[in-house]
Amino acid sequence: MNRLLTCLLGTGLAATAALAAPATPAPAPAASEFPPSNPAEAIAEVEAVVRAWAAAWSARDVPRYLSAYAPEFTPARGQDRLAWETDRRARIAGKSAIRVDIEKLVISIRGPSASATFWQVYSADKLSERSRKTLELQRVGNRWLIRRESAGG
């Protein structure tokens, strides 16, 4: 059976985490283990990762932006990872200014996987657009990394 937890984060945005109820009670994990004993901690961790990803993109900090992606991240449109990274570097470096804002962030957690759905407000040079975006994240060691992203919907 799943339990659903909705938290209001410090930003005033609602985040939701779906957690599988354990079949048998297990001892609470230590503070450094995953999952955190408090599901709101996992939600806060994912929110911090999503906002840091947007901040790196806005700062045109390509190494920090790319470090948010898991090694097994598969780009859309059949592009291979190296071609995608080359394209992202060129697109980000080619802009005089970039601003990426996150609105109406909703986070769902299921074990070591998370989904972050939000409205992305992107502006760079003369382009400005608002679109729906979903980032699928995976817990890798002590970090959440993006394994898939999709726009629209």
N, C-alpha and C. Protein backbone atom coordinates (compact mmCIF):
# COMPACT_ATOMS: atom_id res chain seq x y z
N MET A 1 0.85 -1.18 0.00
CA MET A 1 0.00 0.00 0.00
C MET A 1 0.88 1.23 0.00
N ASN A 2 0.50 2.25 -0.73
CA ASN A 2 1.27 3.49 -0.81
C ASN A 2 0.65 4.54 0.10
N ARG A 3 1.53 5.34 0.65
CA ARG A 3 1.09 6.50 1.40
C ARG A 3 1.47 7.72 0.59
N LEU A 4 0.66 8.74 0.61
CA LEU A 4 0.94 9.96 -0.13
C LEU A 4 1.16 11.07 0.87
N LEU A 5 2.25 11.80 0.71
CA LEU A 5 2.60 12.88 1.62
C LEU A 5 2.71 14.16 0.83
N THR A 6 2.01 15.18 1.24
CA THR A 6 2.11 16.48 0.60
C THR A 6 2.68 17.46 1.60
N CYS A 7 3.70 18.16 1.18
CA CYS A 7 4.37 19.12 2.06
C CYS A 7 4.35 20.49 1.41
N LEU A 8 4.26 21.52 2.21
CA LEU A 8 4.44 22.87 1.72
C LEU A 8 5.88 23.24 2.01
N LEU A 9 6.63 23.54 0.95
CA LEU A 9 8.03 23.88 1.09
C LEU A 9 8.16 25.35 1.43
N GLY A 10 9.35 25.77 1.83
CA GLY A 10 9.60 27.14 2.21
C GLY A 10 9.26 28.13 1.11
N THR A 11 9.19 27.67 -0.12
CA THR A 11 8.86 28.56 -1.24
C THR A 11 7.37 28.75 -1.38
N GLY A 12 6.59 28.04 -0.57
CA GLY A 12 5.14 28.14 -0.67
C GLY A 12 4.57 27.23 -1.74
N LEU A 13 5.40 26.37 -2.31
CA LEU A 13 4.94 25.48 -3.35
C LEU A 13 4.62 24.12 -2.75
N ALA A 14 3.63 23.47 -3.29
CA ALA A 14 3.27 22.14 -2.80
C ALA A 14 4.16 21.10 -3.45
N ALA A 15 4.58 20.14 -2.68
CA ALA A 15 5.35 19.02 -3.21
C ALA A 15 4.70 17.75 -2.67
N THR A 16 4.68 16.72 -3.48
CA THR A 16 4.04 15.47 -3.09
C THR A 16 5.04 14.34 -3.18
N ALA A 17 5.02 13.47 -2.20
CA ALA A 17 5.88 12.29 -2.22
C ALA A 17 5.02 11.07 -2.01
N ALA A 18 5.17 10.10 -2.89
CA ALA A 18 4.47 8.82 -2.72
C ALA A 18 5.48 7.84 -2.18
N LEU A 19 5.19 7.26 -1.06
CA LEU A 19 6.12 6.34 -0.41
C LEU A 19 5.46 4.98 -0.26
N ALA A 20 6.21 3.95 -0.57
CA ALA A 20 5.69 2.60 -0.41
C ALA A 20 5.77 2.24 1.07
N ALA A 21 4.69 1.74 1.61
CA ALA A 21 4.69 1.32 3.02
C ALA A 21 5.48 0.02 3.13
N PRO A 22 6.40 -0.08 4.09
CA PRO A 22 7.19 -1.30 4.22
C PRO A 22 6.31 -2.47 4.64
N ALA A 23 6.66 -3.66 4.15
CA ALA A 23 5.90 -4.87 4.50
C ALA A 23 6.09 -5.18 5.98
N THR A 24 7.29 -5.01 6.47
CA THR A 24 7.56 -5.22 7.89
C THR A 24 8.32 -4.00 8.39
N PRO A 25 8.10 -3.63 9.63
CA PRO A 25 8.81 -2.47 10.15
C PRO A 25 10.32 -2.71 10.11
N ALA A 26 11.04 -1.71 9.67
CA ALA A 26 12.49 -1.78 9.62
C ALA A 26 13.04 -0.70 10.53
N PRO A 27 14.25 -0.91 11.04
CA PRO A 27 14.83 0.14 11.87
C PRO A 27 15.03 1.41 11.04
N ALA A 28 14.89 2.54 11.68
CA ALA A 28 15.06 3.82 10.98
C ALA A 28 16.50 3.93 10.49
N PRO A 29 16.71 4.42 9.26
CA PRO A 29 18.06 4.55 8.75
C PRO A 29 18.82 5.65 9.47
N ALA A 30 20.13 5.55 9.47
CA ALA A 30 20.97 6.58 10.06
C ALA A 30 20.82 7.84 9.22
N ALA A 31 21.19 8.97 9.78
CA ALA A 31 21.01 10.25 9.09
C ALA A 31 21.68 10.30 7.73
N SER A 32 22.79 9.58 7.53
CA SER A 32 23.50 9.63 6.27
C SER A 32 22.97 8.62 5.25
N GLU A 33 22.04 7.77 5.64
CA GLU A 33 21.51 6.75 4.74
C GLU A 33 20.31 7.27 3.98
N PHE A 34 19.95 6.51 2.95
CA PHE A 34 18.77 6.82 2.16
C PHE A 34 17.80 5.67 2.29
N PRO A 35 16.52 5.87 2.38
CA PRO A 35 15.86 7.18 2.37
C PRO A 35 15.93 7.83 3.73
N PRO A 36 15.81 9.15 3.76
CA PRO A 36 15.79 9.83 5.05
C PRO A 36 14.58 9.36 5.86
N SER A 37 14.69 9.40 7.17
CA SER A 37 13.58 8.96 8.01
C SER A 37 12.39 9.91 7.87
N ASN A 38 12.63 11.12 7.46
CA ASN A 38 11.57 12.10 7.26
C ASN A 38 11.41 12.33 5.75
N PRO A 39 10.29 11.90 5.15
CA PRO A 39 10.10 12.07 3.70
C PRO A 39 10.23 13.51 3.23
N ALA A 40 9.91 14.46 4.09
CA ALA A 40 10.06 15.86 3.71
C ALA A 40 11.52 16.20 3.41
N GLU A 41 12.45 15.47 4.04
CA GLU A 41 13.88 15.69 3.76
C GLU A 41 14.20 15.32 2.32
N ALA A 42 13.67 14.19 1.85
CA ALA A 42 13.91 13.77 0.46
C ALA A 42 13.32 14.78 -0.51
N ILE A 43 12.13 15.28 -0.21
CA ILE A 43 11.50 16.28 -1.06
C ILE A 43 12.36 17.55 -1.10
N ALA A 44 12.85 17.97 0.05
CA ALA A 44 13.70 19.17 0.11
C ALA A 44 14.99 18.95 -0.68
N GLU A 45 15.56 17.74 -0.60
CA GLU A 45 16.78 17.44 -1.35
C GLU A 45 16.52 17.55 -2.85
N VAL A 46 15.43 16.99 -3.33
CA VAL A 46 15.11 17.04 -4.76
C VAL A 46 14.84 18.48 -5.18
N GLU A 47 14.11 19.22 -4.36
CA GLU A 47 13.86 20.63 -4.70
C GLU A 47 15.18 21.38 -4.83
N ALA A 48 16.11 21.15 -3.91
CA ALA A 48 17.41 21.83 -3.96
C ALA A 48 18.17 21.48 -5.24
N VAL A 49 18.10 20.22 -5.66
CA VAL A 49 18.77 19.78 -6.88
C VAL A 49 18.16 20.47 -8.11
N VAL A 50 16.84 20.51 -8.18
CA VAL A 50 16.16 21.14 -9.32
C VAL A 50 16.50 22.63 -9.38
N ARG A 51 16.47 23.30 -8.25
CA ARG A 51 16.77 24.73 -8.23
C ARG A 51 18.25 25.00 -8.53
N ALA A 52 19.15 24.12 -8.07
CA ALA A 52 20.58 24.27 -8.38
C ALA A 52 20.84 24.06 -9.88
N TRP A 53 20.12 23.10 -10.48
CA TRP A 53 20.22 22.85 -11.92
C TRP A 53 19.81 24.11 -12.69
N ALA A 54 18.68 24.71 -12.31
CA ALA A 54 18.20 25.93 -12.97
C ALA A 54 19.17 27.09 -12.74
N ALA A 55 19.73 27.19 -11.54
CA ALA A 55 20.68 28.26 -11.23
C ALA A 55 21.97 28.11 -12.04
N ALA A 56 22.45 26.87 -12.20
CA ALA A 56 23.66 26.63 -13.00
C ALA A 56 23.41 27.00 -14.45
N TRP A 57 22.24 26.63 -14.96
CA TRP A 57 21.88 26.97 -16.33
C TRP A 57 21.81 28.49 -16.48
N SER A 58 21.15 29.16 -15.53
CA SER A 58 21.03 30.62 -15.56
C SER A 58 22.38 31.31 -15.49
N ALA A 59 23.31 30.72 -14.75
CA ALA A 59 24.65 31.29 -14.60
C ALA A 59 25.57 30.92 -15.77
N ARG A 60 25.03 30.09 -16.69
CA ARG A 60 25.79 29.59 -17.83
C ARG A 60 27.02 28.82 -17.36
N ASP A 61 26.88 28.16 -16.22
CA ASP A 61 27.93 27.32 -15.63
C ASP A 61 27.75 25.90 -16.16
N VAL A 62 28.31 25.65 -17.34
CA VAL A 62 28.08 24.38 -18.04
C VAL A 62 28.56 23.17 -17.23
N PRO A 63 29.75 23.19 -16.63
CA PRO A 63 30.16 22.00 -15.86
C PRO A 63 29.18 21.67 -14.72
N ARG A 64 28.72 22.68 -14.00
CA ARG A 64 27.78 22.45 -12.91
C ARG A 64 26.42 22.00 -13.46
N TYR A 65 25.98 22.59 -14.56
CA TYR A 65 24.73 22.20 -15.20
C TYR A 65 24.79 20.73 -15.63
N LEU A 66 25.85 20.33 -16.32
CA LEU A 66 25.96 18.95 -16.80
C LEU A 66 26.13 17.95 -15.66
N SER A 67 26.72 18.39 -14.55
CA SER A 67 26.92 17.47 -13.42
C SER A 67 25.61 17.08 -12.75
N ALA A 68 24.50 17.76 -13.09
CA ALA A 68 23.18 17.42 -12.54
C ALA A 68 22.60 16.17 -13.22
N TYR A 69 23.20 15.74 -14.33
CA TYR A 69 22.68 14.61 -15.10
C TYR A 69 23.41 13.32 -14.74
N ALA A 70 22.64 12.24 -14.63
CA ALA A 70 23.19 10.92 -14.33
C ALA A 70 24.02 10.42 -15.51
N PRO A 71 25.00 9.57 -15.26
CA PRO A 71 25.79 9.01 -16.37
C PRO A 71 24.91 8.28 -17.38
N GLU A 72 23.80 7.67 -16.93
CA GLU A 72 22.93 6.93 -17.84
C GLU A 72 21.82 7.80 -18.45
N PHE A 73 21.91 9.13 -18.28
CA PHE A 73 20.93 10.02 -18.90
C PHE A 73 20.93 9.80 -20.41
N THR A 74 19.73 9.63 -20.95
CA THR A 74 19.58 9.44 -22.39
C THR A 74 18.84 10.66 -22.95
N PRO A 75 19.51 11.42 -23.80
CA PRO A 75 18.87 12.60 -24.39
C PRO A 75 17.70 12.22 -25.29
N ALA A 76 16.80 13.17 -25.48
CA ALA A 76 15.66 12.97 -26.37
C ALA A 76 16.13 12.99 -27.83
N ARG A 77 15.25 12.62 -28.70
CA ARG A 77 15.47 12.65 -30.15
C ARG A 77 16.60 11.74 -30.61
N GLY A 78 16.91 10.68 -29.87
CA GLY A 78 17.90 9.71 -30.30
C GLY A 78 19.33 10.21 -30.33
N GLN A 79 19.57 11.38 -29.78
CA GLN A 79 20.92 11.94 -29.75
C GLN A 79 21.78 11.15 -28.76
N ASP A 80 23.05 10.92 -29.07
CA ASP A 80 23.89 10.25 -28.08
C ASP A 80 24.37 11.29 -27.06
N ARG A 81 24.85 10.80 -25.93
CA ARG A 81 25.20 11.67 -24.81
C ARG A 81 26.27 12.69 -25.17
N LEU A 82 27.32 12.28 -25.87
CA LEU A 82 28.40 13.19 -26.23
C LEU A 82 27.89 14.30 -27.15
N ALA A 83 27.09 13.95 -28.14
CA ALA A 83 26.53 14.97 -29.05
C ALA A 83 25.61 15.92 -28.29
N TRP A 84 24.82 15.38 -27.35
CA TRP A 84 23.93 16.21 -26.55
C TRP A 84 24.74 17.20 -25.71
N GLU A 85 25.81 16.72 -25.04
CA GLU A 85 26.64 17.60 -24.21
C GLU A 85 27.29 18.69 -25.06
N THR A 86 27.78 18.33 -26.24
CA THR A 86 28.38 19.30 -27.14
C THR A 86 27.37 20.36 -27.53
N ASP A 87 26.17 19.93 -27.87
CA ASP A 87 25.09 20.84 -28.23
C ASP A 87 24.73 21.76 -27.07
N ARG A 88 24.59 21.19 -25.87
CA ARG A 88 24.23 22.00 -24.69
C ARG A 88 25.32 23.04 -24.40
N ARG A 89 26.59 22.63 -24.49
CA ARG A 89 27.70 23.58 -24.25
C ARG A 89 27.60 24.76 -25.22
N ALA A 90 27.40 24.46 -26.50
CA ALA A 90 27.32 25.52 -27.52
C ALA A 90 26.11 26.42 -27.30
N ARG A 91 24.96 25.82 -27.00
CA ARG A 91 23.75 26.62 -26.82
C ARG A 91 23.84 27.52 -25.58
N ILE A 92 24.40 27.00 -24.51
CA ILE A 92 24.50 27.79 -23.28
C ILE A 92 25.57 28.87 -23.42
N ALA A 93 26.73 28.52 -23.94
CA ALA A 93 27.81 29.49 -24.09
C ALA A 93 27.48 30.56 -25.13
N GLY A 94 26.63 30.21 -26.09
CA GLY A 94 26.29 31.14 -27.15
C GLY A 94 25.30 32.23 -26.77
N LYS A 95 24.77 32.19 -25.59
CA LYS A 95 23.80 33.19 -25.13
C LYS A 95 24.51 34.25 -24.30
N SER A 96 24.08 35.51 -24.46
CA SER A 96 24.68 36.58 -23.65
C SER A 96 24.14 36.55 -22.23
N ALA A 97 22.91 36.07 -22.07
CA ALA A 97 22.29 35.95 -20.75
C ALA A 97 21.20 34.89 -20.82
N ILE A 98 21.06 34.16 -19.73
CA ILE A 98 20.02 33.13 -19.62
C ILE A 98 19.37 33.29 -18.26
N ARG A 99 18.06 33.11 -18.24
CA ARG A 99 17.34 33.08 -16.96
C ARG A 99 16.35 31.93 -17.01
N VAL A 100 16.45 31.05 -16.02
CA VAL A 100 15.54 29.92 -15.91
C VAL A 100 14.88 29.99 -14.54
N ASP A 101 13.57 30.15 -14.53
CA ASP A 101 12.81 30.17 -13.28
C ASP A 101 11.93 28.93 -13.22
N ILE A 102 11.71 28.45 -12.02
CA ILE A 102 10.88 27.27 -11.76
C ILE A 102 9.62 27.75 -11.04
N GLU A 103 8.44 27.39 -11.59
CA GLU A 103 7.17 27.75 -10.96
C GLU A 103 6.33 26.50 -10.76
N LYS A 104 5.55 26.51 -9.70
CA LYS A 104 4.59 25.44 -9.40
C LYS A 104 5.25 24.06 -9.41
N LEU A 105 6.32 23.94 -8.67
CA LEU A 105 7.09 22.70 -8.57
C LEU A 105 6.33 21.66 -7.75
N VAL A 106 6.15 20.48 -8.31
CA VAL A 106 5.54 19.35 -7.62
C VAL A 106 6.51 18.19 -7.69
N ILE A 107 6.87 17.65 -6.54
CA ILE A 107 7.85 16.58 -6.44
C ILE A 107 7.18 15.32 -5.92
N SER A 108 7.42 14.20 -6.61
CA SER A 108 6.93 12.90 -6.16
C SER A 108 8.13 12.01 -5.94
N ILE A 109 8.14 11.31 -4.81
CA ILE A 109 9.24 10.41 -4.45
C ILE A 109 8.70 9.00 -4.35
N ARG A 110 9.41 8.05 -4.95
CA ARG A 110 9.08 6.64 -4.81
C ARG A 110 10.41 5.90 -4.66
N GLY A 111 10.77 5.62 -3.40
CA GLY A 111 12.04 4.97 -3.13
C GLY A 111 13.19 5.81 -3.63
N PRO A 112 14.09 5.21 -4.44
CA PRO A 112 15.25 5.95 -4.94
C PRO A 112 14.98 6.73 -6.22
N SER A 113 13.71 6.84 -6.61
CA SER A 113 13.34 7.60 -7.81
C SER A 113 12.47 8.79 -7.43
N ALA A 114 12.59 9.85 -8.20
CA ALA A 114 11.79 11.05 -7.96
C ALA A 114 11.38 11.66 -9.28
N SER A 115 10.29 12.39 -9.23
CA SER A 115 9.80 13.12 -10.39
C SER A 115 9.55 14.55 -9.95
N ALA A 116 10.05 15.51 -10.73
CA ALA A 116 9.83 16.92 -10.45
C ALA A 116 9.15 17.52 -11.67
N THR A 117 7.91 17.97 -11.50
CA THR A 117 7.15 18.57 -12.58
C THR A 117 6.92 20.03 -12.24
N PHE A 118 7.09 20.90 -13.23
CA PHE A 118 7.01 22.33 -12.96
C PHE A 118 6.80 23.09 -14.27
N TRP A 119 6.54 24.38 -14.11
CA TRP A 119 6.53 25.30 -15.24
C TRP A 119 7.91 25.92 -15.29
N GLN A 120 8.55 25.79 -16.44
CA GLN A 120 9.87 26.37 -16.65
C GLN A 120 9.69 27.67 -17.42
N VAL A 121 10.19 28.76 -16.84
CA VAL A 121 10.14 30.06 -17.50
C VAL A 121 11.57 30.36 -17.93
N TYR A 122 11.78 30.31 -19.24
CA TYR A 122 13.11 30.44 -19.83
C TYR A 122 13.19 31.72 -20.64
N SER A 123 14.25 32.48 -20.43
CA SER A 123 14.50 33.63 -21.29
C SER A 123 15.99 33.74 -21.54
N ALA A 124 16.32 34.01 -22.79
CA ALA A 124 17.70 34.17 -23.20
C ALA A 124 17.72 35.08 -24.42
N ASP A 125 18.57 36.09 -24.36
CA ASP A 125 18.66 37.06 -25.44
C ASP A 125 17.26 37.52 -25.83
N LYS A 126 16.78 37.20 -27.03
CA LYS A 126 15.47 37.69 -27.47
C LYS A 126 14.36 36.65 -27.34
N LEU A 127 14.67 35.48 -26.82
CA LEU A 127 13.69 34.40 -26.69
C LEU A 127 13.16 34.34 -25.26
N SER A 128 11.85 34.17 -25.15
CA SER A 128 11.23 33.99 -23.85
C SER A 128 10.10 32.99 -24.02
N GLU A 129 10.10 31.94 -23.17
CA GLU A 129 9.04 30.95 -23.27
C GLU A 129 8.74 30.33 -21.91
N ARG A 130 7.53 29.86 -21.79
CA ARG A 130 7.06 29.21 -20.57
C ARG A 130 6.53 27.85 -21.00
N SER A 131 7.07 26.77 -20.40
CA SER A 131 6.65 25.43 -20.79
C SER A 131 6.63 24.51 -19.58
N ARG A 132 5.85 23.46 -19.71
CA ARG A 132 5.76 22.43 -18.68
C ARG A 132 6.96 21.52 -18.84
N LYS A 133 7.59 21.14 -17.74
CA LYS A 133 8.77 20.28 -17.79
C LYS A 133 8.70 19.25 -16.68
N THR A 134 9.20 18.07 -16.96
CA THR A 134 9.33 17.01 -15.96
C THR A 134 10.75 16.49 -15.97
N LEU A 135 11.34 16.43 -14.80
CA LEU A 135 12.65 15.81 -14.62
C LEU A 135 12.44 14.54 -13.81
N GLU A 136 12.93 13.43 -14.33
CA GLU A 136 12.94 12.16 -13.59
C GLU A 136 14.33 12.03 -12.99
N LEU A 137 14.39 11.86 -11.68
CA LEU A 137 15.67 11.78 -10.99
C LEU A 137 15.86 10.43 -10.35
N GLN A 138 17.12 10.07 -10.14
CA GLN A 138 17.49 8.80 -9.52
C GLN A 138 18.48 9.10 -8.41
N ARG A 139 18.30 8.43 -7.29
CA ARG A 139 19.25 8.58 -6.19
C ARG A 139 20.48 7.74 -6.53
N VAL A 140 21.64 8.38 -6.59
CA VAL A 140 22.91 7.70 -6.87
C VAL A 140 23.84 8.05 -5.72
N GLY A 141 24.09 7.07 -4.85
CA GLY A 141 24.88 7.35 -3.65
C GLY A 141 24.14 8.34 -2.79
N ASN A 142 24.76 9.48 -2.53
CA ASN A 142 24.10 10.49 -1.69
C ASN A 142 23.58 11.67 -2.52
N ARG A 143 23.44 11.47 -3.85
CA ARG A 143 22.98 12.55 -4.73
C ARG A 143 21.76 12.14 -5.54
N TRP A 144 20.95 13.12 -5.88
CA TRP A 144 19.87 12.95 -6.84
C TRP A 144 20.39 13.45 -8.17
N LEU A 145 20.26 12.65 -9.24
CA LEU A 145 20.72 13.02 -10.56
C LEU A 145 19.59 12.85 -11.57
N ILE A 146 19.58 13.69 -12.59
CA ILE A 146 18.55 13.65 -13.63
C ILE A 146 18.86 12.49 -14.57
N ARG A 147 17.89 11.60 -14.76
CA ARG A 147 18.09 10.47 -15.68
C ARG A 147 17.26 10.64 -16.95
N ARG A 148 16.24 11.50 -16.90
CA ARG A 148 15.37 11.73 -18.06
C ARG A 148 14.68 13.07 -17.88
N GLU A 149 14.43 13.74 -19.00
CA GLU A 149 13.66 14.99 -18.93
C GLU A 149 12.72 15.03 -20.12
N SER A 150 11.59 15.67 -19.90
CA SER A 150 10.61 15.82 -20.97
C SER A 150 9.92 17.17 -20.83
N ALA A 151 9.49 17.68 -21.97
CA ALA A 151 8.80 18.97 -21.98
C ALA A 151 7.42 18.78 -22.57
N GLY A 152 6.53 19.69 -22.21
CA GLY A 152 5.16 19.63 -22.71
C GLY A 152 4.26 18.88 -21.76
N GLY A 153 3.03 18.69 -22.18
CA GLY A 153 2.09 17.92 -21.36
C GLY A 153 1.30 18.68 -20.43
